[in-house]
Amino acid sequence: FVFFCLLALAYISDFGTALVYFAAMLIILALRLSAIKITVIISAGALLAATAAIKLIPYVSARFSLYRHVWEYASSGGYQQTQTMMSISSGGLFGLSLGNGNLHNVSAADTDLVFGMIAEEFGLIFALCVALIFALFVIYAAVCITRTRSIYYAVTSSAASGIFICQAILNIFGSVDLLPLTGVTLPFISNGGSSMIA
């Protein structure tokens, strides 16, 4: 079932969400089956598929060529990320206050780049607290594993927290060029809730 979902996401070129689902699948495999050999084989296959996607799909290749070089392409392919980083720095520690930021003029500011909007308007301290919430969610899921009466609940809580933290990492780190920009939303915060429902 997971491979069908991954193929469907690859068909519609949503590789960011495919990566999030793949991470959840690895968590489930590791906790439920404890099959390290199968997990390594699947991960190696996924790495080969990702390498092929980077080489063969033009827009994926363009995003990876921009990775760690957005300032060199600030007026073209790196525009969104450079604007996000400038907005984060202009917000300072305490922000410019709600509605006074400029990042909302950039495309996808309320979805893919929402972390930059938070940092600009509410400040870096508030934005880091938002990121900390996702880390605490993972810690809470780890604590729940030892308290559950069923392996199903342990695996479910771990996979759900894995989805949220993976999606948050891709969104936050992608918007500041620590990872390639994948276009995934920040859970519970970004505009549009269809990805959360899915």
N, C-alpha and C. Protein backbone atom coordinates (compact mmCIF):
# COMPACT_ATOMS: atom_id res chain seq x y z
N PHE A 1 0.83 -1.20 0.00
CA PHE A 1 0.00 0.00 0.00
C PHE A 1 0.87 1.26 0.00
N VAL A 2 1.92 1.24 0.82
CA VAL A 2 2.80 2.41 0.89
C VAL A 2 3.47 2.65 -0.46
N PHE A 3 3.92 1.58 -1.11
CA PHE A 3 4.56 1.76 -2.41
C PHE A 3 3.59 2.30 -3.44
N PHE A 4 2.32 1.88 -3.37
CA PHE A 4 1.31 2.44 -4.27
C PHE A 4 1.16 3.95 -4.03
N CYS A 5 1.11 4.34 -2.75
CA CYS A 5 1.00 5.76 -2.42
C CYS A 5 2.22 6.54 -2.90
N LEU A 6 3.41 5.96 -2.73
CA LEU A 6 4.64 6.62 -3.18
C LEU A 6 4.66 6.76 -4.69
N LEU A 7 4.22 5.74 -5.40
CA LEU A 7 4.16 5.83 -6.86
C LEU A 7 3.15 6.88 -7.31
N ALA A 8 2.01 6.95 -6.62
CA ALA A 8 1.01 7.96 -6.96
C ALA A 8 1.57 9.37 -6.74
N LEU A 9 2.29 9.56 -5.63
CA LEU A 9 2.90 10.87 -5.35
C LEU A 9 3.99 11.19 -6.37
N ALA A 10 4.76 10.19 -6.77
CA ALA A 10 5.79 10.42 -7.80
C ALA A 10 5.13 10.76 -9.14
N TYR A 11 4.01 10.12 -9.44
CA TYR A 11 3.31 10.40 -10.70
C TYR A 11 2.84 11.84 -10.77
N ILE A 12 2.40 12.40 -9.64
CA ILE A 12 1.95 13.80 -9.65
C ILE A 12 3.09 14.75 -9.29
N SER A 13 4.31 14.21 -9.23
CA SER A 13 5.53 14.99 -8.98
C SER A 13 5.53 15.69 -7.63
N ASP A 14 4.99 15.03 -6.62
CA ASP A 14 5.02 15.57 -5.26
C ASP A 14 6.05 14.76 -4.47
N PHE A 15 7.32 15.01 -4.76
CA PHE A 15 8.39 14.23 -4.17
C PHE A 15 8.64 14.60 -2.71
N GLY A 16 8.30 15.81 -2.32
CA GLY A 16 8.44 16.21 -0.92
C GLY A 16 7.54 15.39 -0.02
N THR A 17 6.28 15.26 -0.39
CA THR A 17 5.35 14.45 0.40
C THR A 17 5.73 12.98 0.33
N ALA A 18 6.24 12.54 -0.83
CA ALA A 18 6.69 11.15 -0.94
C ALA A 18 7.82 10.89 0.05
N LEU A 19 8.70 11.85 0.23
CA LEU A 19 9.79 11.68 1.19
C LEU A 19 9.25 11.59 2.62
N VAL A 20 8.23 12.38 2.93
CA VAL A 20 7.62 12.34 4.26
C VAL A 20 6.98 10.97 4.50
N TYR A 21 6.24 10.46 3.53
CA TYR A 21 5.60 9.16 3.68
C TYR A 21 6.63 8.04 3.76
N PHE A 22 7.72 8.19 3.01
CA PHE A 22 8.77 7.19 3.05
C PHE A 22 9.40 7.13 4.44
N ALA A 23 9.61 8.28 5.04
CA ALA A 23 10.16 8.32 6.40
C ALA A 23 9.23 7.61 7.38
N ALA A 24 7.92 7.84 7.23
CA ALA A 24 6.95 7.16 8.10
C ALA A 24 6.99 5.66 7.89
N MET A 25 7.15 5.24 6.63
CA MET A 25 7.22 3.82 6.34
C MET A 25 8.46 3.19 6.99
N LEU A 26 9.59 3.89 6.97
CA LEU A 26 10.80 3.37 7.60
C LEU A 26 10.62 3.23 9.11
N ILE A 27 9.93 4.20 9.71
CA ILE A 27 9.67 4.11 11.15
C ILE A 27 8.80 2.90 11.45
N ILE A 28 7.78 2.69 10.65
CA ILE A 28 6.89 1.54 10.86
C ILE A 28 7.65 0.23 10.67
N LEU A 29 8.48 0.16 9.63
CA LEU A 29 9.26 -1.06 9.41
C LEU A 29 10.21 -1.34 10.58
N ALA A 30 10.87 -0.29 11.03
CA ALA A 30 11.85 -0.47 12.11
C ALA A 30 11.17 -0.91 13.41
N LEU A 31 10.01 -0.34 13.71
CA LEU A 31 9.36 -0.66 14.98
C LEU A 31 8.53 -1.94 14.91
N ARG A 32 7.87 -2.17 13.82
CA ARG A 32 6.94 -3.32 13.75
C ARG A 32 7.65 -4.60 13.39
N LEU A 33 8.49 -4.52 12.37
CA LEU A 33 9.11 -5.75 11.89
C LEU A 33 10.48 -6.00 12.49
N SER A 34 11.13 -4.95 12.94
CA SER A 34 12.51 -5.03 13.41
C SER A 34 13.40 -5.71 12.39
N ALA A 35 13.09 -5.48 11.12
CA ALA A 35 13.83 -6.12 10.02
C ALA A 35 14.83 -5.12 9.45
N ILE A 36 16.01 -5.12 9.99
CA ILE A 36 17.04 -4.17 9.56
C ILE A 36 17.43 -4.43 8.11
N LYS A 37 17.55 -5.71 7.73
CA LYS A 37 17.97 -6.04 6.37
C LYS A 37 16.98 -5.51 5.34
N ILE A 38 15.69 -5.70 5.59
CA ILE A 38 14.66 -5.20 4.67
C ILE A 38 14.69 -3.68 4.62
N THR A 39 14.86 -3.04 5.77
CA THR A 39 14.90 -1.58 5.83
C THR A 39 16.09 -1.04 5.05
N VAL A 40 17.24 -1.68 5.16
CA VAL A 40 18.43 -1.25 4.42
C VAL A 40 18.23 -1.42 2.92
N ILE A 41 17.65 -2.54 2.51
CA ILE A 41 17.42 -2.79 1.08
C ILE A 41 16.44 -1.77 0.51
N ILE A 42 15.36 -1.51 1.23
CA ILE A 42 14.38 -0.53 0.77
C ILE A 42 14.99 0.87 0.72
N SER A 43 15.80 1.20 1.72
CA SER A 43 16.45 2.52 1.74
C SER A 43 17.43 2.67 0.59
N ALA A 44 18.17 1.61 0.28
CA ALA A 44 19.10 1.65 -0.86
C ALA A 44 18.34 1.83 -2.18
N GLY A 45 17.22 1.13 -2.32
CA GLY A 45 16.40 1.30 -3.51
C GLY A 45 15.84 2.71 -3.62
N ALA A 46 15.42 3.26 -2.48
CA ALA A 46 14.90 4.63 -2.48
C ALA A 46 16.00 5.63 -2.82
N LEU A 47 17.21 5.38 -2.35
CA LEU A 47 18.33 6.26 -2.67
C LEU A 47 18.64 6.24 -4.16
N LEU A 48 18.58 5.06 -4.76
CA LEU A 48 18.76 4.97 -6.22
C LEU A 48 17.66 5.69 -6.97
N ALA A 49 16.41 5.53 -6.51
CA ALA A 49 15.28 6.22 -7.15
C ALA A 49 15.41 7.73 -7.00
N ALA A 50 15.84 8.19 -5.83
CA ALA A 50 16.02 9.63 -5.61
C ALA A 50 17.13 10.18 -6.49
N THR A 51 18.22 9.43 -6.63
CA THR A 51 19.31 9.86 -7.51
C THR A 51 18.83 9.96 -8.95
N ALA A 52 18.04 8.98 -9.38
CA ALA A 52 17.49 9.02 -10.74
C ALA A 52 16.56 10.21 -10.92
N ALA A 53 15.73 10.49 -9.92
CA ALA A 53 14.82 11.64 -10.00
C ALA A 53 15.60 12.95 -10.10
N ILE A 54 16.68 13.06 -9.32
CA ILE A 54 17.48 14.28 -9.35
C ILE A 54 18.13 14.46 -10.72
N LYS A 55 18.57 13.39 -11.32
CA LYS A 55 19.24 13.46 -12.62
C LYS A 55 18.27 13.63 -13.79
N LEU A 56 17.08 12.99 -13.71
CA LEU A 56 16.20 12.90 -14.87
C LEU A 56 15.03 13.88 -14.89
N ILE A 57 14.61 14.38 -13.74
CA ILE A 57 13.45 15.26 -13.70
C ILE A 57 13.95 16.70 -13.59
N PRO A 58 13.66 17.52 -14.61
CA PRO A 58 14.27 18.86 -14.68
C PRO A 58 14.03 19.76 -13.47
N TYR A 59 12.80 19.83 -12.95
CA TYR A 59 12.56 20.77 -11.85
C TYR A 59 13.21 20.29 -10.55
N VAL A 60 13.32 18.97 -10.36
CA VAL A 60 14.02 18.43 -9.19
C VAL A 60 15.50 18.72 -9.32
N SER A 61 16.03 18.54 -10.51
CA SER A 61 17.43 18.83 -10.76
C SER A 61 17.74 20.31 -10.54
N ALA A 62 16.81 21.18 -10.95
CA ALA A 62 17.00 22.63 -10.75
C ALA A 62 17.02 22.98 -9.27
N ARG A 63 16.15 22.36 -8.48
CA ARG A 63 16.13 22.65 -7.04
C ARG A 63 17.41 22.18 -6.37
N PHE A 64 17.91 21.03 -6.78
CA PHE A 64 19.15 20.54 -6.17
C PHE A 64 20.36 21.34 -6.64
N SER A 65 20.31 21.88 -7.85
CA SER A 65 21.44 22.71 -8.30
C SER A 65 21.46 24.05 -7.55
N LEU A 66 20.30 24.50 -7.06
CA LEU A 66 20.24 25.74 -6.27
C LEU A 66 20.66 25.53 -4.82
N TYR A 67 20.59 24.30 -4.35
CA TYR A 67 20.86 24.00 -2.95
C TYR A 67 22.24 24.50 -2.55
N ARG A 68 22.28 25.31 -1.49
CA ARG A 68 23.48 25.93 -0.93
C ARG A 68 24.08 27.01 -1.85
N HIS A 69 23.33 27.39 -2.91
CA HIS A 69 23.79 28.43 -3.84
C HIS A 69 22.69 29.45 -4.14
N VAL A 70 21.71 29.61 -3.25
CA VAL A 70 20.58 30.48 -3.56
C VAL A 70 20.98 31.95 -3.70
N TRP A 71 22.01 32.36 -2.98
CA TRP A 71 22.42 33.77 -3.07
C TRP A 71 23.01 34.09 -4.43
N GLU A 72 23.56 33.09 -5.11
CA GLU A 72 24.08 33.30 -6.46
C GLU A 72 22.95 33.49 -7.47
N TYR A 73 21.76 33.01 -7.13
CA TYR A 73 20.60 33.09 -8.03
C TYR A 73 19.45 33.82 -7.33
N ALA A 74 19.80 34.88 -6.60
CA ALA A 74 18.81 35.58 -5.77
C ALA A 74 17.70 36.22 -6.58
N SER A 75 17.94 36.56 -7.83
CA SER A 75 16.90 37.19 -8.64
C SER A 75 16.18 36.20 -9.55
N SER A 76 16.55 34.93 -9.47
CA SER A 76 15.87 33.93 -10.30
C SER A 76 15.40 32.75 -9.44
N GLY A 77 16.05 31.61 -9.55
CA GLY A 77 15.59 30.41 -8.86
C GLY A 77 15.68 30.44 -7.35
N GLY A 78 16.59 31.25 -6.80
CA GLY A 78 16.74 31.33 -5.36
C GLY A 78 15.99 32.47 -4.72
N TYR A 79 15.11 33.11 -5.49
CA TYR A 79 14.42 34.31 -5.00
C TYR A 79 13.63 34.05 -3.72
N GLN A 80 12.83 32.99 -3.71
CA GLN A 80 11.97 32.73 -2.54
C GLN A 80 12.80 32.51 -1.28
N GLN A 81 13.83 31.71 -1.37
CA GLN A 81 14.62 31.41 -0.18
C GLN A 81 15.43 32.62 0.29
N THR A 82 15.97 33.39 -0.63
CA THR A 82 16.72 34.59 -0.21
C THR A 82 15.79 35.60 0.44
N GLN A 83 14.59 35.76 -0.10
CA GLN A 83 13.61 36.67 0.50
C GLN A 83 13.22 36.18 1.90
N THR A 84 13.09 34.86 2.04
CA THR A 84 12.74 34.30 3.34
C THR A 84 13.84 34.57 4.36
N MET A 85 15.08 34.34 3.97
CA MET A 85 16.19 34.56 4.90
C MET A 85 16.33 36.05 5.26
N MET A 86 16.11 36.93 4.29
CA MET A 86 16.17 38.37 4.59
C MET A 86 15.02 38.78 5.52
N SER A 87 13.86 38.17 5.33
CA SER A 87 12.72 38.47 6.19
C SER A 87 12.95 37.99 7.62
N ILE A 88 13.55 36.82 7.75
CA ILE A 88 13.86 36.31 9.09
C ILE A 88 14.81 37.26 9.80
N SER A 89 15.83 37.73 9.08
CA SER A 89 16.78 38.64 9.73
C SER A 89 16.16 40.00 10.01
N SER A 90 15.25 40.47 9.16
CA SER A 90 14.63 41.78 9.41
C SER A 90 13.65 41.72 10.58
N GLY A 91 13.13 40.54 10.88
CA GLY A 91 12.22 40.41 12.02
C GLY A 91 12.92 40.49 13.35
N GLY A 92 14.20 40.18 13.38
CA GLY A 92 14.95 40.24 14.63
C GLY A 92 14.44 39.21 15.64
N LEU A 93 14.69 39.48 16.90
CA LEU A 93 14.28 38.55 17.95
C LEU A 93 12.79 38.62 18.26
N PHE A 94 12.18 39.80 18.10
CA PHE A 94 10.80 39.97 18.55
C PHE A 94 9.82 40.29 17.43
N GLY A 95 10.27 40.42 16.20
CA GLY A 95 9.39 40.58 15.05
C GLY A 95 8.92 42.00 14.79
N LEU A 96 8.30 42.15 13.64
CA LEU A 96 7.79 43.45 13.21
C LEU A 96 6.33 43.63 13.57
N SER A 97 5.70 42.66 14.13
CA SER A 97 4.29 42.56 14.52
C SER A 97 3.43 42.08 13.37
N LEU A 98 2.32 41.51 13.71
CA LEU A 98 1.42 40.85 12.76
C LEU A 98 1.01 41.79 11.63
N GLY A 99 1.22 41.35 10.39
CA GLY A 99 0.82 42.10 9.22
C GLY A 99 1.83 43.13 8.73
N ASN A 100 2.91 43.34 9.48
CA ASN A 100 3.88 44.35 9.08
C ASN A 100 5.06 43.78 8.30
N GLY A 101 5.08 42.51 8.04
CA GLY A 101 6.18 41.92 7.28
C GLY A 101 6.00 42.10 5.79
N ASN A 102 7.07 41.83 5.05
CA ASN A 102 7.04 41.95 3.59
C ASN A 102 7.04 40.60 2.88
N LEU A 103 7.29 39.52 3.60
CA LEU A 103 7.39 38.22 2.95
C LEU A 103 6.06 37.78 2.35
N HIS A 104 4.95 38.29 2.86
CA HIS A 104 3.65 37.88 2.32
C HIS A 104 3.48 38.27 0.85
N ASN A 105 4.36 39.12 0.33
CA ASN A 105 4.33 39.49 -1.09
C ASN A 105 5.02 38.46 -1.98
N VAL A 106 5.71 37.51 -1.39
CA VAL A 106 6.43 36.48 -2.13
C VAL A 106 5.49 35.28 -2.32
N SER A 107 5.59 34.67 -3.50
CA SER A 107 4.76 33.50 -3.80
C SER A 107 5.01 32.37 -2.80
N ALA A 108 3.97 31.70 -2.37
CA ALA A 108 4.00 30.56 -1.45
C ALA A 108 4.47 30.95 -0.05
N ALA A 109 4.35 32.21 0.31
CA ALA A 109 4.81 32.65 1.64
C ALA A 109 3.97 32.04 2.75
N ASP A 110 2.70 31.81 2.52
CA ASP A 110 1.84 31.28 3.57
C ASP A 110 1.75 29.76 3.56
N THR A 111 2.51 29.11 2.69
CA THR A 111 2.52 27.65 2.66
C THR A 111 3.95 27.13 2.84
N ASP A 112 4.75 27.20 1.77
CA ASP A 112 6.10 26.63 1.81
C ASP A 112 7.07 27.45 2.66
N LEU A 113 6.84 28.75 2.75
CA LEU A 113 7.79 29.64 3.43
C LEU A 113 7.21 30.25 4.70
N VAL A 114 6.24 29.60 5.28
CA VAL A 114 5.52 30.16 6.43
C VAL A 114 6.43 30.36 7.64
N PHE A 115 7.47 29.56 7.78
CA PHE A 115 8.40 29.74 8.89
C PHE A 115 9.05 31.13 8.81
N GLY A 116 9.37 31.57 7.61
CA GLY A 116 9.93 32.91 7.43
C GLY A 116 8.95 34.00 7.81
N MET A 117 7.67 33.79 7.49
CA MET A 117 6.65 34.77 7.88
C MET A 117 6.52 34.85 9.39
N ILE A 118 6.55 33.70 10.05
CA ILE A 118 6.45 33.67 11.51
C ILE A 118 7.63 34.42 12.12
N ALA A 119 8.83 34.13 11.63
CA ALA A 119 10.03 34.77 12.18
C ALA A 119 10.04 36.27 11.91
N GLU A 120 9.55 36.68 10.75
CA GLU A 120 9.55 38.11 10.43
C GLU A 120 8.53 38.88 11.26
N GLU A 121 7.34 38.32 11.39
CA GLU A 121 6.28 39.06 12.05
C GLU A 121 6.24 38.86 13.57
N PHE A 122 6.64 37.69 14.05
CA PHE A 122 6.59 37.42 15.49
C PHE A 122 7.96 37.33 16.14
N GLY A 123 9.01 37.25 15.33
CA GLY A 123 10.36 37.22 15.84
C GLY A 123 10.97 35.83 15.85
N LEU A 124 12.28 35.81 15.91
CA LEU A 124 13.01 34.55 15.88
C LEU A 124 12.73 33.70 17.11
N ILE A 125 12.57 34.32 18.25
CA ILE A 125 12.30 33.56 19.48
C ILE A 125 11.00 32.77 19.34
N PHE A 126 9.95 33.42 18.86
CA PHE A 126 8.66 32.75 18.67
C PHE A 126 8.79 31.65 17.61
N ALA A 127 9.52 31.93 16.52
CA ALA A 127 9.68 30.93 15.45
C ALA A 127 10.42 29.70 15.97
N LEU A 128 11.44 29.91 16.79
CA LEU A 128 12.15 28.77 17.35
C LEU A 128 11.28 27.99 18.34
N CYS A 129 10.39 28.68 19.03
CA CYS A 129 9.43 27.99 19.91
C CYS A 129 8.49 27.11 19.10
N VAL A 130 8.08 27.58 17.92
CA VAL A 130 7.25 26.78 17.03
C VAL A 130 8.00 25.52 16.62
N ALA A 131 9.28 25.67 16.25
CA ALA A 131 10.08 24.51 15.88
C ALA A 131 10.25 23.57 17.07
N LEU A 132 10.39 24.12 18.26
CA LEU A 132 10.54 23.30 19.47
C LEU A 132 9.29 22.48 19.75
N ILE A 133 8.14 23.01 19.41
CA ILE A 133 6.89 22.27 19.61
C ILE A 133 6.92 20.95 18.84
N PHE A 134 7.44 20.99 17.61
CA PHE A 134 7.53 19.75 16.83
C PHE A 134 8.51 18.77 17.47
N ALA A 135 9.61 19.28 18.01
CA ALA A 135 10.57 18.41 18.69
C ALA A 135 9.95 17.80 19.95
N LEU A 136 9.18 18.58 20.68
CA LEU A 136 8.50 18.07 21.88
C LEU A 136 7.46 17.02 21.52
N PHE A 137 6.83 17.19 20.38
CA PHE A 137 5.86 16.21 19.90
C PHE A 137 6.53 14.86 19.71
N VAL A 138 7.73 14.87 19.15
CA VAL A 138 8.48 13.63 18.95
C VAL A 138 8.89 13.02 20.29
N ILE A 139 9.33 13.86 21.21
CA ILE A 139 9.72 13.36 22.54
C ILE A 139 8.51 12.74 23.24
N TYR A 140 7.37 13.39 23.13
CA TYR A 140 6.15 12.85 23.74
C TYR A 140 5.78 11.50 23.12
N ALA A 141 5.93 11.38 21.81
CA ALA A 141 5.64 10.10 21.15
C ALA A 141 6.59 9.02 21.64
N ALA A 142 7.85 9.37 21.85
CA ALA A 142 8.82 8.40 22.35
C ALA A 142 8.45 7.95 23.76
N VAL A 143 7.96 8.87 24.57
CA VAL A 143 7.53 8.51 25.92
C VAL A 143 6.29 7.61 25.85
N CYS A 144 5.40 7.89 24.91
CA CYS A 144 4.18 7.09 24.77
C CYS A 144 4.47 5.65 24.38
N ILE A 145 5.57 5.42 23.67
CA ILE A 145 5.90 4.07 23.24
C ILE A 145 6.03 3.13 24.44
N THR A 146 6.65 3.62 25.48
CA THR A 146 6.87 2.76 26.65
C THR A 146 5.61 2.57 27.48
N ARG A 147 4.62 3.42 27.29
CA ARG A 147 3.40 3.35 28.11
C ARG A 147 2.23 2.66 27.44
N THR A 148 2.34 2.37 26.16
CA THR A 148 1.20 1.80 25.46
C THR A 148 1.03 0.32 25.79
N ARG A 149 -0.20 -0.13 25.65
CA ARG A 149 -0.52 -1.53 25.92
C ARG A 149 -0.48 -2.36 24.65
N SER A 150 -0.38 -1.68 23.51
CA SER A 150 -0.40 -2.38 22.24
C SER A 150 0.71 -1.85 21.35
N ILE A 151 1.33 -2.74 20.58
CA ILE A 151 2.36 -2.32 19.63
C ILE A 151 1.76 -1.42 18.56
N TYR A 152 0.47 -1.62 18.26
CA TYR A 152 -0.20 -0.79 17.25
C TYR A 152 -0.16 0.68 17.65
N TYR A 153 -0.48 0.98 18.89
CA TYR A 153 -0.47 2.37 19.35
C TYR A 153 0.95 2.95 19.37
N ALA A 154 1.91 2.14 19.73
CA ALA A 154 3.30 2.60 19.74
C ALA A 154 3.77 2.93 18.33
N VAL A 155 3.48 2.04 17.38
CA VAL A 155 3.89 2.28 16.00
C VAL A 155 3.14 3.47 15.41
N THR A 156 1.84 3.57 15.70
CA THR A 156 1.05 4.68 15.17
C THR A 156 1.53 6.02 15.69
N SER A 157 1.79 6.12 16.98
CA SER A 157 2.26 7.40 17.53
C SER A 157 3.63 7.76 16.98
N SER A 158 4.48 6.77 16.81
CA SER A 158 5.81 7.04 16.27
C SER A 158 5.75 7.46 14.81
N ALA A 159 4.92 6.78 14.02
CA ALA A 159 4.80 7.13 12.61
C ALA A 159 4.18 8.51 12.44
N ALA A 160 3.16 8.82 13.23
CA ALA A 160 2.53 10.14 13.14
C ALA A 160 3.51 11.25 13.51
N SER A 161 4.24 11.05 14.60
CA SER A 161 5.22 12.07 14.98
C SER A 161 6.34 12.15 13.96
N GLY A 162 6.69 11.02 13.36
CA GLY A 162 7.70 11.03 12.30
C GLY A 162 7.26 11.84 11.10
N ILE A 163 5.98 11.70 10.74
CA ILE A 163 5.44 12.50 9.63
C ILE A 163 5.53 13.98 9.95
N PHE A 164 5.10 14.35 11.15
CA PHE A 164 5.10 15.77 11.51
C PHE A 164 6.50 16.35 11.58
N ILE A 165 7.44 15.63 12.20
CA ILE A 165 8.78 16.18 12.34
C ILE A 165 9.51 16.21 11.00
N CYS A 166 9.32 15.19 10.19
CA CYS A 166 9.95 15.18 8.87
C CYS A 166 9.42 16.32 8.01
N GLN A 167 8.12 16.53 8.04
CA GLN A 167 7.51 17.61 7.27
C GLN A 167 7.98 18.97 7.80
N ALA A 168 8.06 19.11 9.11
CA ALA A 168 8.53 20.37 9.70
C ALA A 168 9.99 20.63 9.35
N ILE A 169 10.83 19.60 9.41
CA ILE A 169 12.24 19.77 9.06
C ILE A 169 12.39 20.17 7.60
N LEU A 170 11.67 19.50 6.71
CA LEU A 170 11.76 19.85 5.28
C LEU A 170 11.30 21.28 5.03
N ASN A 171 10.24 21.71 5.73
CA ASN A 171 9.73 23.07 5.53
C ASN A 171 10.69 24.11 6.10
N ILE A 172 11.08 23.94 7.35
CA ILE A 172 11.92 24.95 8.02
C ILE A 172 13.31 25.00 7.40
N PHE A 173 13.96 23.86 7.27
CA PHE A 173 15.32 23.84 6.74
C PHE A 173 15.35 24.17 5.25
N GLY A 174 14.29 23.81 4.53
CA GLY A 174 14.23 24.15 3.11
C GLY A 174 14.09 25.64 2.87
N SER A 175 13.33 26.31 3.72
CA SER A 175 13.13 27.75 3.51
C SER A 175 14.37 28.56 3.83
N VAL A 176 15.30 28.02 4.62
CA VAL A 176 16.53 28.75 4.93
C VAL A 176 17.75 28.10 4.27
N ASP A 177 17.54 27.25 3.28
CA ASP A 177 18.58 26.65 2.44
C ASP A 177 19.51 25.71 3.20
N LEU A 178 19.05 25.13 4.29
CA LEU A 178 19.82 24.07 4.93
C LEU A 178 19.52 22.72 4.29
N LEU A 179 18.37 22.63 3.61
CA LEU A 179 17.98 21.50 2.78
C LEU A 179 17.41 22.07 1.49
N PRO A 180 17.36 21.28 0.42
CA PRO A 180 16.70 21.78 -0.79
C PRO A 180 15.22 22.07 -0.52
N LEU A 181 14.70 23.10 -1.14
CA LEU A 181 13.29 23.46 -0.97
C LEU A 181 12.42 22.39 -1.62
N THR A 182 11.56 21.76 -0.81
CA THR A 182 10.75 20.65 -1.31
C THR A 182 9.30 21.03 -1.57
N GLY A 183 8.85 22.11 -1.00
CA GLY A 183 7.48 22.53 -1.22
C GLY A 183 6.47 21.91 -0.28
N VAL A 184 6.92 21.27 0.81
CA VAL A 184 5.96 20.73 1.76
C VAL A 184 5.55 21.83 2.74
N THR A 185 4.37 21.66 3.31
CA THR A 185 3.83 22.66 4.22
C THR A 185 4.27 22.39 5.65
N LEU A 186 4.13 23.39 6.49
CA LEU A 186 4.43 23.23 7.92
C LEU A 186 3.15 22.77 8.61
N PRO A 187 3.16 21.58 9.21
CA PRO A 187 1.92 21.04 9.80
C PRO A 187 1.28 21.98 10.81
N PHE A 188 -0.05 22.08 10.74
CA PHE A 188 -0.90 22.87 11.62
C PHE A 188 -0.76 24.38 11.43
N ILE A 189 0.16 24.84 10.61
CA ILE A 189 0.42 26.28 10.50
C ILE A 189 0.20 26.80 9.08
N SER A 190 0.72 26.09 8.08
CA SER A 190 0.62 26.57 6.70
C SER A 190 -0.82 26.70 6.24
N ASN A 191 -1.04 27.57 5.29
CA ASN A 191 -2.35 27.78 4.70
C ASN A 191 -2.76 26.51 3.96
N GLY A 192 -3.99 26.10 4.12
CA GLY A 192 -4.50 24.91 3.45
C GLY A 192 -4.30 23.68 4.30
N GLY A 193 -5.33 22.95 4.55
CA GLY A 193 -5.22 21.78 5.42
C GLY A 193 -5.37 20.46 4.71
N SER A 194 -5.38 20.48 3.39
CA SER A 194 -5.61 19.22 2.66
C SER A 194 -4.51 18.21 2.89
N SER A 195 -3.24 18.67 3.05
CA SER A 195 -2.17 17.71 3.28
C SER A 195 -2.31 17.05 4.63
N MET A 196 -2.79 17.80 5.63
CA MET A 196 -3.00 17.21 6.94
C MET A 196 -4.13 16.19 6.92
N ILE A 197 -5.18 16.49 6.17
CA ILE A 197 -6.30 15.55 6.07
C ILE A 197 -5.83 14.27 5.38
N ALA A 198 -5.03 14.43 4.32
CA ALA A 198 -4.51 13.26 3.60
C ALA A 198 -3.60 12.46 4.50
